[in-house]
Amino acid sequence: MAPKNNKGKAKEPEKAGAAKVKGGSYRAIFPIQHADLHYHTAQSINVRHILCEKHAKKEEALAKLNAGVKFDEVAREFSEDKARQGQSFNATVHVRGFLTTFVTGGSLGWKTRGGLMPEFENVAFELPASTTNSPKWGEAKTSEGYHIIMVEGRK
């Protein structure tokens, strides 16, 4: 039997490909204005992420972000990307479309459309640019786990 929400309706199960942005739908928070169309036409983004294998760990990371901790600091503490496991301190490795480094606070660098997992990319290309001090983030679930995503630049 499916779990119920507070209105007695069955909740949608979490699954790979599910995506949401801080506070709900990105469009619900930031209605698209004519000047905002570059969010949807950008071909490259400078992106960071925090990858957590378990939902509970992702929620801990979100609590830190909501408390005002810088995105890169939370990434160093909580991210469970493969670059942290058994690689040298300055190692850079390629893991299923994600270029990851141990020391960059979740930075994946500049990515182009079509270069990331679709579930991740759909959220990332909808986000406005922000800073690690005051991030605007989104969430995506992929086969790798739960991602908290922020974008630092667009072109």
N, C-alpha and C. Protein backbone atom coordinates (compact mmCIF):
# COMPACT_ATOMS: atom_id res chain seq x y z
N MET A 1 0.85 -1.18 0.00
CA MET A 1 0.00 0.00 0.00
C MET A 1 0.90 1.24 0.00
N ALA A 2 0.57 2.21 -0.82
CA ALA A 2 1.35 3.43 -0.94
C ALA A 2 1.17 4.30 0.30
N PRO A 3 2.25 4.99 0.74
CA PRO A 3 2.11 5.91 1.87
C PRO A 3 1.14 7.03 1.53
N LYS A 4 0.50 7.59 2.53
CA LYS A 4 -0.50 8.65 2.33
C LYS A 4 0.09 10.00 2.72
N ASN A 5 -0.35 11.04 2.03
CA ASN A 5 0.03 12.38 2.45
C ASN A 5 -1.00 12.87 3.47
N ASN A 6 -0.88 14.12 3.91
CA ASN A 6 -1.76 14.61 4.96
C ASN A 6 -3.21 14.82 4.49
N LYS A 7 -3.51 14.65 3.22
CA LYS A 7 -4.87 14.78 2.72
C LYS A 7 -5.48 13.42 2.40
N GLY A 8 -4.80 12.34 2.78
CA GLY A 8 -5.32 11.00 2.58
C GLY A 8 -5.10 10.44 1.19
N LYS A 9 -4.39 11.19 0.33
CA LYS A 9 -4.12 10.71 -1.03
C LYS A 9 -2.79 9.99 -1.05
N ALA A 10 -2.66 9.01 -1.93
CA ALA A 10 -1.40 8.27 -2.06
C ALA A 10 -0.32 9.22 -2.57
N LYS A 11 0.86 9.13 -1.95
CA LYS A 11 1.99 9.94 -2.38
C LYS A 11 2.69 9.24 -3.53
N GLU A 12 3.29 10.06 -4.41
CA GLU A 12 4.10 9.50 -5.49
C GLU A 12 5.37 8.91 -4.87
N PRO A 13 5.76 7.71 -5.25
CA PRO A 13 7.02 7.16 -4.75
C PRO A 13 8.19 7.91 -5.36
N GLU A 14 9.32 8.05 -4.59
CA GLU A 14 10.51 8.66 -5.14
C GLU A 14 11.13 7.71 -6.13
N LYS A 15 11.62 8.23 -7.22
CA LYS A 15 12.22 7.38 -8.24
C LYS A 15 13.30 8.16 -8.96
N ALA A 16 14.21 7.42 -9.60
CA ALA A 16 15.23 8.08 -10.40
C ALA A 16 14.53 8.92 -11.45
N GLY A 17 15.04 10.12 -11.65
CA GLY A 17 14.44 11.01 -12.63
C GLY A 17 13.55 12.06 -11.99
N ALA A 18 13.17 11.84 -10.72
CA ALA A 18 12.35 12.84 -10.04
C ALA A 18 13.23 14.07 -9.79
N ALA A 19 12.68 15.23 -9.99
CA ALA A 19 13.46 16.45 -9.80
C ALA A 19 12.59 17.51 -9.15
N LYS A 20 13.20 18.29 -8.27
CA LYS A 20 12.49 19.43 -7.71
C LYS A 20 13.50 20.52 -7.41
N VAL A 21 13.01 21.72 -7.30
CA VAL A 21 13.86 22.86 -7.03
C VAL A 21 13.46 23.42 -5.68
N LYS A 22 14.41 23.96 -4.94
CA LYS A 22 14.18 24.52 -3.61
C LYS A 22 12.84 25.25 -3.57
N GLY A 23 11.97 24.80 -2.69
CA GLY A 23 10.69 25.45 -2.51
C GLY A 23 9.63 24.97 -3.48
N GLY A 24 9.91 23.98 -4.29
CA GLY A 24 8.94 23.47 -5.25
C GLY A 24 9.40 23.72 -6.67
N SER A 25 8.47 23.90 -7.55
CA SER A 25 8.79 24.11 -8.96
C SER A 25 9.53 25.43 -9.17
N TYR A 26 10.57 25.39 -9.95
CA TYR A 26 11.31 26.61 -10.26
C TYR A 26 10.38 27.66 -10.86
N ARG A 27 9.53 27.25 -11.75
CA ARG A 27 8.63 28.21 -12.39
C ARG A 27 7.64 28.79 -11.39
N ALA A 28 7.27 28.04 -10.36
CA ALA A 28 6.34 28.55 -9.35
C ALA A 28 7.02 29.61 -8.49
N ILE A 29 8.31 29.45 -8.23
CA ILE A 29 9.04 30.41 -7.39
C ILE A 29 9.44 31.64 -8.20
N PHE A 30 9.95 31.41 -9.39
CA PHE A 30 10.47 32.48 -10.23
C PHE A 30 9.73 32.45 -11.57
N PRO A 31 8.55 33.09 -11.68
CA PRO A 31 7.84 33.08 -12.95
C PRO A 31 8.75 33.59 -14.07
N ILE A 32 8.67 32.99 -15.22
CA ILE A 32 9.54 33.36 -16.33
C ILE A 32 9.14 34.74 -16.85
N GLN A 33 10.08 35.63 -16.89
CA GLN A 33 9.90 36.96 -17.46
C GLN A 33 10.66 36.99 -18.78
N HIS A 34 10.34 37.95 -19.62
CA HIS A 34 11.03 38.05 -20.91
C HIS A 34 12.55 38.12 -20.72
N ALA A 35 13.01 38.87 -19.72
CA ALA A 35 14.45 39.01 -19.48
C ALA A 35 15.08 37.72 -18.96
N ASP A 36 14.25 36.80 -18.47
CA ASP A 36 14.77 35.55 -17.91
C ASP A 36 14.91 34.45 -18.95
N LEU A 37 14.60 34.72 -20.19
CA LEU A 37 14.63 33.67 -21.20
C LEU A 37 16.03 33.08 -21.39
N HIS A 38 17.08 33.81 -21.02
CA HIS A 38 18.43 33.25 -21.16
C HIS A 38 18.63 32.02 -20.28
N TYR A 39 17.83 31.85 -19.22
CA TYR A 39 17.92 30.63 -18.41
C TYR A 39 17.62 29.41 -19.25
N HIS A 40 16.71 29.56 -20.19
CA HIS A 40 16.28 28.43 -20.99
C HIS A 40 17.06 28.30 -22.29
N THR A 41 17.86 29.31 -22.63
CA THR A 41 18.62 29.24 -23.87
C THR A 41 20.11 29.06 -23.62
N ALA A 42 20.56 29.11 -22.37
CA ALA A 42 21.98 28.92 -22.09
C ALA A 42 22.41 27.54 -22.58
N GLN A 43 23.57 27.49 -23.19
CA GLN A 43 24.09 26.22 -23.69
C GLN A 43 25.15 25.63 -22.78
N SER A 44 25.69 26.46 -21.86
CA SER A 44 26.70 26.00 -20.90
C SER A 44 26.41 26.58 -19.53
N ILE A 45 26.70 25.78 -18.51
CA ILE A 45 26.55 26.25 -17.14
C ILE A 45 27.78 25.85 -16.35
N ASN A 46 28.15 26.69 -15.39
CA ASN A 46 29.21 26.36 -14.43
C ASN A 46 28.47 25.83 -13.20
N VAL A 47 28.61 24.55 -12.92
CA VAL A 47 27.71 23.89 -11.96
C VAL A 47 28.48 23.22 -10.83
N ARG A 48 27.85 23.19 -9.66
CA ARG A 48 28.33 22.46 -8.48
C ARG A 48 27.22 21.51 -8.03
N HIS A 49 27.62 20.45 -7.33
CA HIS A 49 26.60 19.57 -6.77
C HIS A 49 27.09 18.93 -5.49
N ILE A 50 26.13 18.45 -4.72
CA ILE A 50 26.38 17.62 -3.55
C ILE A 50 25.66 16.32 -3.84
N LEU A 51 26.39 15.21 -3.83
CA LEU A 51 25.81 13.91 -4.13
C LEU A 51 25.73 13.09 -2.86
N CYS A 52 24.53 12.63 -2.53
CA CYS A 52 24.32 11.79 -1.35
C CYS A 52 23.63 10.50 -1.80
N GLU A 53 24.11 9.37 -1.31
CA GLU A 53 23.50 8.10 -1.67
C GLU A 53 22.17 7.90 -0.96
N LYS A 54 22.04 8.40 0.25
CA LYS A 54 20.82 8.20 1.05
C LYS A 54 20.03 9.50 1.19
N HIS A 55 18.71 9.38 1.17
CA HIS A 55 17.82 10.53 1.32
C HIS A 55 18.08 11.27 2.64
N ALA A 56 18.29 10.54 3.72
CA ALA A 56 18.50 11.17 5.03
C ALA A 56 19.75 12.05 5.03
N LYS A 57 20.81 11.60 4.36
CA LYS A 57 22.04 12.39 4.31
C LYS A 57 21.81 13.66 3.48
N LYS A 58 21.05 13.54 2.40
CA LYS A 58 20.71 14.71 1.59
C LYS A 58 19.94 15.72 2.43
N GLU A 59 19.02 15.24 3.25
CA GLU A 59 18.24 16.13 4.12
C GLU A 59 19.13 16.83 5.13
N GLU A 60 20.15 16.15 5.65
CA GLU A 60 21.12 16.79 6.56
C GLU A 60 21.86 17.90 5.84
N ALA A 61 22.29 17.64 4.62
CA ALA A 61 22.99 18.65 3.83
C ALA A 61 22.09 19.85 3.57
N LEU A 62 20.83 19.59 3.23
CA LEU A 62 19.88 20.69 3.00
C LEU A 62 19.67 21.53 4.26
N ALA A 63 19.65 20.87 5.42
CA ALA A 63 19.50 21.61 6.68
C ALA A 63 20.66 22.57 6.88
N LYS A 64 21.87 22.13 6.54
CA LYS A 64 23.05 23.00 6.65
C LYS A 64 22.93 24.19 5.70
N LEU A 65 22.52 23.92 4.46
CA LEU A 65 22.35 25.00 3.49
C LEU A 65 21.29 25.99 3.96
N ASN A 66 20.18 25.48 4.47
CA ASN A 66 19.11 26.35 4.98
C ASN A 66 19.56 27.16 6.19
N ALA A 67 20.56 26.65 6.91
CA ALA A 67 21.10 27.37 8.07
C ALA A 67 22.13 28.42 7.66
N GLY A 68 22.44 28.49 6.35
CA GLY A 68 23.35 29.52 5.86
C GLY A 68 24.78 29.10 5.66
N VAL A 69 25.08 27.82 5.77
CA VAL A 69 26.45 27.34 5.53
C VAL A 69 26.71 27.42 4.03
N LYS A 70 27.93 27.82 3.65
CA LYS A 70 28.29 27.96 2.24
C LYS A 70 28.18 26.63 1.51
N PHE A 71 27.74 26.69 0.25
CA PHE A 71 27.51 25.49 -0.55
C PHE A 71 28.77 24.63 -0.65
N ASP A 72 29.92 25.25 -0.93
CA ASP A 72 31.14 24.46 -1.09
C ASP A 72 31.56 23.77 0.20
N GLU A 73 31.30 24.39 1.35
CA GLU A 73 31.62 23.76 2.63
C GLU A 73 30.72 22.55 2.88
N VAL A 74 29.45 22.68 2.57
CA VAL A 74 28.51 21.57 2.73
C VAL A 74 28.90 20.43 1.78
N ALA A 75 29.30 20.78 0.56
CA ALA A 75 29.72 19.75 -0.41
C ALA A 75 30.92 18.97 0.11
N ARG A 76 31.90 19.66 0.67
CA ARG A 76 33.09 18.98 1.20
C ARG A 76 32.73 18.04 2.34
N GLU A 77 31.74 18.42 3.15
CA GLU A 77 31.36 17.60 4.30
C GLU A 77 30.43 16.44 3.92
N PHE A 78 29.50 16.66 3.01
CA PHE A 78 28.44 15.68 2.78
C PHE A 78 28.52 14.91 1.47
N SER A 79 29.18 15.46 0.45
CA SER A 79 29.14 14.81 -0.86
C SER A 79 29.82 13.45 -0.83
N GLU A 80 29.18 12.48 -1.44
CA GLU A 80 29.68 11.11 -1.47
C GLU A 80 30.05 10.68 -2.88
N ASP A 81 30.53 11.64 -3.68
CA ASP A 81 30.90 11.28 -5.05
C ASP A 81 32.10 10.35 -5.04
N LYS A 82 32.25 9.63 -6.13
CA LYS A 82 33.27 8.59 -6.20
C LYS A 82 34.69 9.12 -6.08
N ALA A 83 34.90 10.41 -6.35
CA ALA A 83 36.24 10.98 -6.26
C ALA A 83 36.77 10.96 -4.83
N ARG A 84 35.88 10.88 -3.85
CA ARG A 84 36.31 10.86 -2.45
C ARG A 84 36.79 9.48 -2.04
N GLN A 85 36.41 8.45 -2.78
CA GLN A 85 36.67 7.09 -2.35
C GLN A 85 37.89 6.50 -3.04
N GLY A 86 39.01 6.43 -2.34
CA GLY A 86 40.19 5.74 -2.84
C GLY A 86 40.99 6.50 -3.88
N GLN A 87 40.79 7.78 -4.03
CA GLN A 87 41.56 8.56 -4.99
C GLN A 87 42.55 9.44 -4.25
N SER A 88 43.61 9.82 -4.95
CA SER A 88 44.58 10.72 -4.33
C SER A 88 43.94 12.08 -4.09
N PHE A 89 44.53 12.89 -3.23
CA PHE A 89 43.96 14.15 -2.80
C PHE A 89 43.61 15.07 -3.97
N ASN A 90 44.45 15.16 -4.97
CA ASN A 90 44.20 16.06 -6.10
C ASN A 90 43.65 15.34 -7.32
N ALA A 91 43.19 14.11 -7.14
CA ALA A 91 42.72 13.32 -8.28
C ALA A 91 41.47 13.92 -8.91
N THR A 92 41.41 13.82 -10.20
CA THR A 92 40.21 14.17 -10.95
C THR A 92 39.79 12.90 -11.67
N VAL A 93 38.54 12.51 -11.53
CA VAL A 93 38.06 11.30 -12.18
C VAL A 93 36.76 11.59 -12.90
N HIS A 94 36.44 10.77 -13.87
CA HIS A 94 35.20 10.89 -14.62
C HIS A 94 34.28 9.78 -14.15
N VAL A 95 33.13 10.13 -13.60
CA VAL A 95 32.19 9.15 -13.08
C VAL A 95 30.84 9.36 -13.75
N ARG A 96 30.48 8.51 -14.69
CA ARG A 96 29.18 8.54 -15.36
C ARG A 96 28.71 9.95 -15.71
N GLY A 97 29.55 10.67 -16.41
CA GLY A 97 29.16 11.99 -16.88
C GLY A 97 29.52 13.12 -15.94
N PHE A 98 29.97 12.82 -14.75
CA PHE A 98 30.32 13.86 -13.79
C PHE A 98 31.82 13.93 -13.62
N LEU A 99 32.40 15.07 -13.94
CA LEU A 99 33.81 15.29 -13.68
C LEU A 99 33.89 15.80 -12.25
N THR A 100 34.50 15.03 -11.38
CA THR A 100 34.49 15.39 -9.96
C THR A 100 35.90 15.54 -9.43
N THR A 101 36.07 16.38 -8.44
CA THR A 101 37.34 16.54 -7.75
C THR A 101 37.09 16.54 -6.26
N PHE A 102 38.08 16.12 -5.53
CA PHE A 102 37.97 16.02 -4.08
C PHE A 102 37.96 17.39 -3.41
N VAL A 103 38.70 18.32 -3.93
CA VAL A 103 38.95 19.58 -3.22
C VAL A 103 38.15 20.78 -3.71
N THR A 104 37.26 20.63 -4.66
CA THR A 104 36.63 21.80 -5.26
C THR A 104 35.26 22.14 -4.70
N GLY A 105 34.84 21.53 -3.63
CA GLY A 105 33.54 21.87 -3.04
C GLY A 105 32.38 21.56 -3.95
N GLY A 106 32.46 20.45 -4.66
CA GLY A 106 31.36 20.02 -5.51
C GLY A 106 31.39 20.58 -6.92
N SER A 107 32.42 21.35 -7.28
CA SER A 107 32.46 21.96 -8.60
C SER A 107 32.65 20.91 -9.69
N LEU A 108 31.78 20.97 -10.68
CA LEU A 108 31.91 20.12 -11.87
C LEU A 108 32.43 20.92 -13.04
N GLY A 109 32.59 22.24 -12.87
CA GLY A 109 33.07 23.10 -13.93
C GLY A 109 31.99 23.40 -14.95
N TRP A 110 32.41 23.84 -16.13
CA TRP A 110 31.48 24.20 -17.19
C TRP A 110 30.99 22.95 -17.89
N LYS A 111 29.68 22.82 -18.03
CA LYS A 111 29.05 21.68 -18.70
C LYS A 111 28.12 22.20 -19.78
N THR A 112 28.05 21.49 -20.89
CA THR A 112 27.16 21.86 -21.98
C THR A 112 25.93 20.98 -21.98
N ARG A 113 24.88 21.46 -22.64
CA ARG A 113 23.65 20.66 -22.78
C ARG A 113 24.00 19.33 -23.43
N GLY A 114 23.42 18.27 -22.88
CA GLY A 114 23.66 16.94 -23.41
C GLY A 114 24.85 16.24 -22.79
N GLY A 115 25.57 16.91 -21.90
CA GLY A 115 26.77 16.35 -21.30
C GLY A 115 26.58 15.76 -19.92
N LEU A 116 25.36 15.82 -19.39
CA LEU A 116 25.07 15.33 -18.04
C LEU A 116 23.89 14.36 -18.09
N MET A 117 23.68 13.65 -16.99
CA MET A 117 22.50 12.79 -16.89
C MET A 117 21.26 13.66 -17.08
N PRO A 118 20.28 13.20 -17.84
CA PRO A 118 19.10 14.03 -18.14
C PRO A 118 18.38 14.54 -16.89
N GLU A 119 18.24 13.72 -15.87
CA GLU A 119 17.53 14.14 -14.65
C GLU A 119 18.26 15.31 -13.99
N PHE A 120 19.59 15.25 -13.98
CA PHE A 120 20.43 16.29 -13.40
C PHE A 120 20.37 17.54 -14.28
N GLU A 121 20.54 17.36 -15.56
CA GLU A 121 20.59 18.46 -16.51
C GLU A 121 19.28 19.25 -16.54
N ASN A 122 18.15 18.56 -16.47
CA ASN A 122 16.85 19.24 -16.50
C ASN A 122 16.72 20.23 -15.37
N VAL A 123 17.22 19.89 -14.20
CA VAL A 123 17.17 20.81 -13.05
C VAL A 123 18.23 21.89 -13.19
N ALA A 124 19.45 21.50 -13.51
CA ALA A 124 20.58 22.44 -13.54
C ALA A 124 20.34 23.59 -14.52
N PHE A 125 19.83 23.29 -15.71
CA PHE A 125 19.65 24.34 -16.71
C PHE A 125 18.45 25.24 -16.41
N GLU A 126 17.63 24.91 -15.42
CA GLU A 126 16.52 25.76 -14.99
C GLU A 126 16.94 26.74 -13.89
N LEU A 127 18.06 26.49 -13.23
CA LEU A 127 18.47 27.30 -12.08
C LEU A 127 19.12 28.61 -12.51
N PRO A 128 18.85 29.69 -11.77
CA PRO A 128 19.57 30.94 -12.01
C PRO A 128 20.97 30.83 -11.43
N ALA A 129 21.88 31.64 -11.93
CA ALA A 129 23.23 31.68 -11.38
C ALA A 129 23.19 32.27 -9.97
N SER A 130 24.02 31.73 -9.09
CA SER A 130 24.12 32.23 -7.72
C SER A 130 25.53 31.98 -7.22
N THR A 131 25.79 32.36 -5.98
CA THR A 131 27.13 32.19 -5.40
C THR A 131 27.09 31.14 -4.29
N THR A 132 28.26 30.62 -3.93
CA THR A 132 28.33 29.63 -2.85
C THR A 132 27.94 30.26 -1.51
N ASN A 133 28.10 31.57 -1.37
CA ASN A 133 27.70 32.26 -0.14
C ASN A 133 26.19 32.39 -0.01
N SER A 134 25.50 32.51 -1.14
CA SER A 134 24.06 32.70 -1.16
C SER A 134 23.46 31.86 -2.30
N PRO A 135 23.53 30.54 -2.16
CA PRO A 135 23.14 29.69 -3.29
C PRO A 135 21.63 29.57 -3.49
N LYS A 136 21.25 29.39 -4.76
CA LYS A 136 19.90 28.97 -5.14
C LYS A 136 20.10 27.57 -5.68
N TRP A 137 19.46 26.61 -5.10
CA TRP A 137 19.74 25.24 -5.49
C TRP A 137 18.48 24.50 -5.90
N GLY A 138 18.73 23.39 -6.58
CA GLY A 138 17.67 22.47 -6.97
C GLY A 138 18.08 21.07 -6.59
N GLU A 139 17.14 20.15 -6.67
CA GLU A 139 17.41 18.76 -6.30
C GLU A 139 17.02 17.84 -7.45
N ALA A 140 17.79 16.78 -7.61
CA ALA A 140 17.46 15.76 -8.61
C ALA A 140 17.85 14.40 -8.07
N LYS A 141 17.11 13.38 -8.46
CA LYS A 141 17.44 11.99 -8.11
C LYS A 141 17.85 11.30 -9.40
N THR A 142 19.04 10.70 -9.40
CA THR A 142 19.53 9.94 -10.54
C THR A 142 19.90 8.54 -10.06
N SER A 143 20.38 7.74 -10.95
CA SER A 143 20.85 6.40 -10.57
C SER A 143 22.06 6.47 -9.64
N GLU A 144 22.74 7.61 -9.60
CA GLU A 144 23.90 7.80 -8.72
C GLU A 144 23.48 8.15 -7.29
N GLY A 145 22.29 8.71 -7.12
CA GLY A 145 21.80 9.11 -5.80
C GLY A 145 21.06 10.43 -5.86
N TYR A 146 21.08 11.15 -4.74
CA TYR A 146 20.38 12.43 -4.60
C TYR A 146 21.38 13.56 -4.80
N HIS A 147 21.05 14.48 -5.70
CA HIS A 147 21.92 15.62 -6.00
C HIS A 147 21.28 16.90 -5.51
N ILE A 148 22.08 17.75 -4.89
CA ILE A 148 21.71 19.13 -4.62
C ILE A 148 22.58 19.93 -5.58
N ILE A 149 21.97 20.74 -6.41
CA ILE A 149 22.66 21.38 -7.54
C ILE A 149 22.57 22.89 -7.43
N MET A 150 23.67 23.57 -7.72
CA MET A 150 23.66 25.02 -7.86
C MET A 150 24.45 25.40 -9.10
N VAL A 151 24.11 26.54 -9.70
CA VAL A 151 24.76 27.02 -10.90
C VAL A 151 25.45 28.34 -10.58
N GLU A 152 26.73 28.45 -10.96
CA GLU A 152 27.49 29.67 -10.70
C GLU A 152 27.57 30.60 -11.91
N GLY A 153 27.35 30.09 -13.09
CA GLY A 153 27.42 30.92 -14.28
C GLY A 153 26.70 30.27 -15.45
N ARG A 154 26.35 31.09 -16.45
CA ARG A 154 25.64 30.61 -17.64
C ARG A 154 26.21 31.32 -18.85
N LYS A 155 26.27 30.60 -19.96
CA LYS A 155 26.63 31.26 -21.24
C LYS A 155 26.04 30.47 -22.38
